[in-house]
Amino acid sequence: METQTNNLNTYRILYIIKGIFNLLGAVFFIGYGFFINFIFTEVNQNAETPFDMSTFFGIICGIGFIMSLIFGIVTLLGAKYIGEARNYTFVLIVAILNCLTGILGILLGIFSIIEINKPHVKALFDQNK
């Protein structure tokens, strides 16, 4: 009987890298929010605007920060479960969610969906329940 190999360790490393990029995106939103708040505080001192633009951009940056943080944590958890070959459904959902996060996420999500749907890899996940 021939043993079949899988690329789960490679995908685990790529998920770790992707999770770190997502967490760096969260840091970007914090910095961008402070920068925009500083700019609009200086501009709005003398101008009368119908609403506070710094609050508007602060809310947008806050939502971006929370989304990047959630995607980063979930992706790192997915990397952990891929390395252990556990929680097949969670890994599949993480792969689908990564398809929403840019070109790196699309490629990583599609290729990892293809990999974890191979029969011998699926059997490995079933074995480690």
C-alpha atoms as a PDB file:
ATOM      1  CA  MET A   1       0.000   0.000   0.000  1.00  0.00           C
ATOM      2  CA  GLU A   2       1.397   3.330  -1.027  1.00  0.00           C
ATOM      3  CA  THR A   3       1.422   6.174   1.479  1.00  0.00           C
ATOM      4  CA  GLN A   4      -0.083   9.427   0.309  1.00  0.00           C
ATOM      5  CA  THR A   5       1.423  12.728   1.299  1.00  0.00           C
ATOM      6  CA  ASN A   6      -0.342  15.948   2.080  1.00  0.00           C
ATOM      7  CA  ASN A   7       0.606  19.601   2.236  1.00  0.00           C
ATOM      8  CA  LEU A   8      -0.992  20.406   5.588  1.00  0.00           C
ATOM      9  CA  ASN A   9       2.254  21.648   7.144  1.00  0.00           C
ATOM     10  CA  THR A  10       2.779  24.066   4.260  1.00  0.00           C
ATOM     11  CA  TYR A  11      -0.775  25.370   4.620  1.00  0.00           C
ATOM     12  CA  ARG A  12      -0.265  25.714   8.370  1.00  0.00           C
ATOM     13  CA  ILE A  13       2.741  27.966   7.766  1.00  0.00           C
ATOM     14  CA  LEU A  14       0.849  29.994   5.152  1.00  0.00           C
ATOM     15  CA  TYR A  15      -2.099  30.420   7.514  1.00  0.00           C
ATOM     16  CA  ILE A  16       0.261  31.680  10.227  1.00  0.00           C
ATOM     17  CA  ILE A  17       1.705  34.234   7.791  1.00  0.00           C
ATOM     18  CA  LYS A  18      -1.791  35.274   6.681  1.00  0.00           C
ATOM     19  CA  GLY A  19      -2.923  35.619  10.308  1.00  0.00           C
ATOM     20  CA  ILE A  20       0.057  37.846  11.073  1.00  0.00           C
ATOM     21  CA  PHE A  21      -0.756  40.002   8.032  1.00  0.00           C
ATOM     22  CA  ASN A  22      -4.333  40.342   9.278  1.00  0.00           C
ATOM     23  CA  LEU A  23      -3.114  41.395  12.727  1.00  0.00           C
ATOM     24  CA  LEU A  24      -0.774  43.933  11.105  1.00  0.00           C
ATOM     25  CA  GLY A  25      -3.823  45.233   9.241  1.00  0.00           C
ATOM     26  CA  ALA A  26      -5.487  45.800  12.606  1.00  0.00           C
ATOM     27  CA  VAL A  27      -2.468  47.830  13.740  1.00  0.00           C
ATOM     28  CA  PHE A  28      -2.714  49.815  10.482  1.00  0.00           C
ATOM     29  CA  PHE A  29      -6.326  50.743  11.265  1.00  0.00           C
ATOM     30  CA  ILE A  30      -5.322  52.002  14.717  1.00  0.00           C
ATOM     31  CA  GLY A  31      -2.552  54.175  13.275  1.00  0.00           C
ATOM     32  CA  TYR A  32      -4.720  55.422  10.433  1.00  0.00           C
ATOM     33  CA  GLY A  33      -7.516  56.288  12.854  1.00  0.00           C
ATOM     34  CA  PHE A  34      -5.193  58.365  15.042  1.00  0.00           C
ATOM     35  CA  PHE A  35      -3.683  60.084  11.999  1.00  0.00           C
ATOM     36  CA  ILE A  36      -7.078  60.976  10.516  1.00  0.00           C
ATOM     37  CA  ASN A  37      -8.341  62.135  13.908  1.00  0.00           C
ATOM     38  CA  PHE A  38      -5.316  64.442  14.217  1.00  0.00           C
ATOM     39  CA  ILE A  39      -5.812  65.841  10.694  1.00  0.00           C
ATOM     40  CA  PHE A  40      -9.532  66.517  11.084  1.00  0.00           C
ATOM     41  CA  THR A  41      -9.096  67.987  14.567  1.00  0.00           C
ATOM     42  CA  GLU A  42      -6.695  70.565  13.108  1.00  0.00           C
ATOM     43  CA  VAL A  43      -8.930  71.266  10.093  1.00  0.00           C
ATOM     44  CA  ASN A  44     -12.233  71.458  11.969  1.00  0.00           C
ATOM     45  CA  GLN A  45     -11.097  74.035  14.534  1.00  0.00           C
ATOM     46  CA  ASN A  46     -12.085  76.954  12.315  1.00  0.00           C
ATOM     47  CA  ALA A  47     -14.607  75.354   9.957  1.00  0.00           C
ATOM     48  CA  GLU A  48     -18.229  74.590  10.617  1.00  0.00           C
ATOM     49  CA  THR A  49     -19.153  71.211   9.199  1.00  0.00           C
ATOM     50  CA  PRO A  50     -22.524  69.467   9.393  1.00  0.00           C
ATOM     51  CA  PHE A  51     -20.969  66.505  11.240  1.00  0.00           C
ATOM     52  CA  ASP A  52     -17.659  65.597  12.751  1.00  0.00           C
ATOM     53  CA  MET A  53     -15.557  63.860  10.104  1.00  0.00           C
ATOM     54  CA  SER A  54     -13.090  62.544  12.671  1.00  0.00           C
ATOM     55  CA  THR A  55     -15.900  60.615  14.378  1.00  0.00           C
ATOM     56  CA  PHE A  56     -17.011  59.191  11.037  1.00  0.00           C
ATOM     57  CA  PHE A  57     -13.510  57.989  10.159  1.00  0.00           C
ATOM     58  CA  GLY A  58     -13.008  56.799  13.726  1.00  0.00           C
ATOM     59  CA  ILE A  59     -16.033  54.511  13.414  1.00  0.00           C
ATOM     60  CA  ILE A  60     -14.826  53.197  10.041  1.00  0.00           C
ATOM     61  CA  CYS A  61     -11.338  52.549  11.458  1.00  0.00           C
ATOM     62  CA  GLY A  62     -12.844  50.883  14.538  1.00  0.00           C
ATOM     63  CA  ILE A  63     -14.883  48.511  12.375  1.00  0.00           C
ATOM     64  CA  GLY A  64     -11.810  47.766  10.240  1.00  0.00           C
ATOM     65  CA  PHE A  65      -9.751  47.136  13.381  1.00  0.00           C
ATOM     66  CA  ILE A  66     -12.308  44.701  14.811  1.00  0.00           C
ATOM     67  CA  MET A  67     -12.728  42.848  11.505  1.00  0.00           C
ATOM     68  CA  SER A  68      -8.953  42.529  10.975  1.00  0.00           C
ATOM     69  CA  LEU A  69      -8.490  41.350  14.542  1.00  0.00           C
ATOM     70  CA  ILE A  70     -11.234  38.724  14.203  1.00  0.00           C
ATOM     71  CA  PHE A  71      -9.891  37.480  10.853  1.00  0.00           C
ATOM     72  CA  GLY A  72      -6.357  37.322  12.283  1.00  0.00           C
ATOM     73  CA  ILE A  73      -7.365  35.320  15.354  1.00  0.00           C
ATOM     74  CA  VAL A  74      -9.600  32.960  13.370  1.00  0.00           C
ATOM     75  CA  THR A  75      -6.863  32.404  10.768  1.00  0.00           C
ATOM     76  CA  LEU A  76      -4.290  31.621  13.463  1.00  0.00           C
ATOM     77  CA  LEU A  77      -6.736  29.166  15.057  1.00  0.00           C
ATOM     78  CA  GLY A  78      -7.219  27.610  11.623  1.00  0.00           C
ATOM     79  CA  ALA A  79      -3.435  27.216  11.342  1.00  0.00           C
ATOM     80  CA  LYS A  80      -3.373  25.452  14.693  1.00  0.00           C
ATOM     81  CA  TYR A  81      -6.141  23.055  13.684  1.00  0.00           C
ATOM     82  CA  ILE A  82      -4.592  22.367  10.277  1.00  0.00           C
ATOM     83  CA  GLY A  83      -1.322  21.455  12.009  1.00  0.00           C
ATOM     84  CA  GLU A  84      -3.171  19.075  14.316  1.00  0.00           C
ATOM     85  CA  ALA A  85      -5.517  17.833  11.527  1.00  0.00           C
ATOM     86  CA  ARG A  86      -8.545  18.449  13.757  1.00  0.00           C
ATOM     87  CA  ASN A  87     -11.861  20.334  13.413  1.00  0.00           C
ATOM     88  CA  TYR A  88     -12.444  19.792   9.708  1.00  0.00           C
ATOM     89  CA  THR A  89     -15.540  22.006   9.631  1.00  0.00           C
ATOM     90  CA  PHE A  90     -13.775  24.912  11.335  1.00  0.00           C
ATOM     91  CA  VAL A  91     -10.831  24.693   8.936  1.00  0.00           C
ATOM     92  CA  LEU A  92     -13.229  24.622   5.978  1.00  0.00           C
ATOM     93  CA  ILE A  93     -15.067  27.723   7.263  1.00  0.00           C
ATOM     94  CA  VAL A  94     -11.764  29.538   7.833  1.00  0.00           C
ATOM     95  CA  ALA A  95     -10.706  28.684   4.277  1.00  0.00           C
ATOM     96  CA  ILE A  96     -13.992  30.074   2.946  1.00  0.00           C
ATOM     97  CA  LEU A  97     -13.661  33.238   5.069  1.00  0.00           C
ATOM     98  CA  ASN A  98     -10.118  33.750   3.805  1.00  0.00           C
ATOM     99  CA  CYS A  99     -11.524  33.882   0.279  1.00  0.00           C
ATOM    100  CA  LEU A 100     -13.032  37.266   1.277  1.00  0.00           C
ATOM    101  CA  THR A 101      -9.727  38.895   2.205  1.00  0.00           C
ATOM    102  CA  GLY A 102      -7.831  39.815  -0.927  1.00  0.00           C
ATOM    103  CA  ILE A 103      -5.744  37.923  -3.426  1.00  0.00           C
ATOM    104  CA  LEU A 104      -3.576  36.116  -0.841  1.00  0.00           C
ATOM    105  CA  GLY A 105      -6.684  35.001   1.019  1.00  0.00           C
ATOM    106  CA  ILE A 106      -8.416  33.890  -2.175  1.00  0.00           C
ATOM    107  CA  LEU A 107      -5.463  31.762  -3.279  1.00  0.00           C
ATOM    108  CA  LEU A 108      -4.873  30.343   0.184  1.00  0.00           C
ATOM    109  CA  GLY A 109      -8.564  29.608   0.682  1.00  0.00           C
ATOM    110  CA  ILE A 110      -9.090  27.880  -2.662  1.00  0.00           C
ATOM    111  CA  PHE A 111      -5.965  25.747  -2.464  1.00  0.00           C
ATOM    112  CA  SER A 112      -6.603  24.758   1.138  1.00  0.00           C
ATOM    113  CA  ILE A 113     -10.223  23.821   0.305  1.00  0.00           C
ATOM    114  CA  ILE A 114      -8.895  21.612  -2.483  1.00  0.00           C
ATOM    115  CA  GLU A 115      -6.302  20.062  -0.146  1.00  0.00           C
ATOM    116  CA  ILE A 116      -8.601  19.297   2.786  1.00  0.00           C
ATOM    117  CA  ASN A 117     -11.225  17.759   0.479  1.00  0.00           C
ATOM    118  CA  LYS A 118      -8.825  15.072  -0.740  1.00  0.00           C
ATOM    119  CA  PRO A 119     -10.000  11.670   0.520  1.00  0.00           C
ATOM    120  CA  HIS A 120      -6.807  10.766   2.395  1.00  0.00           C
ATOM    121  CA  VAL A 121      -6.658  14.177   4.100  1.00  0.00           C
ATOM    122  CA  LYS A 122     -10.341  13.964   5.031  1.00  0.00           C
ATOM    123  CA  ALA A 123      -9.642  10.540   6.529  1.00  0.00           C
ATOM    124  CA  LEU A 124      -6.788  12.069   8.547  1.00  0.00           C
ATOM    125  CA  PHE A 125      -9.156  14.700   9.953  1.00  0.00           C
ATOM    126  CA  ASP A 126     -11.741  11.984  10.740  1.00  0.00           C
ATOM    127  CA  GLN A 127      -9.071   9.903  12.459  1.00  0.00           C
ATOM    128  CA  ASN A 128      -8.085  12.834  14.758  1.00  0.00           C
ATOM    129  CA  LYS A 129     -11.581  13.769  15.926  1.00  0.00           C
END
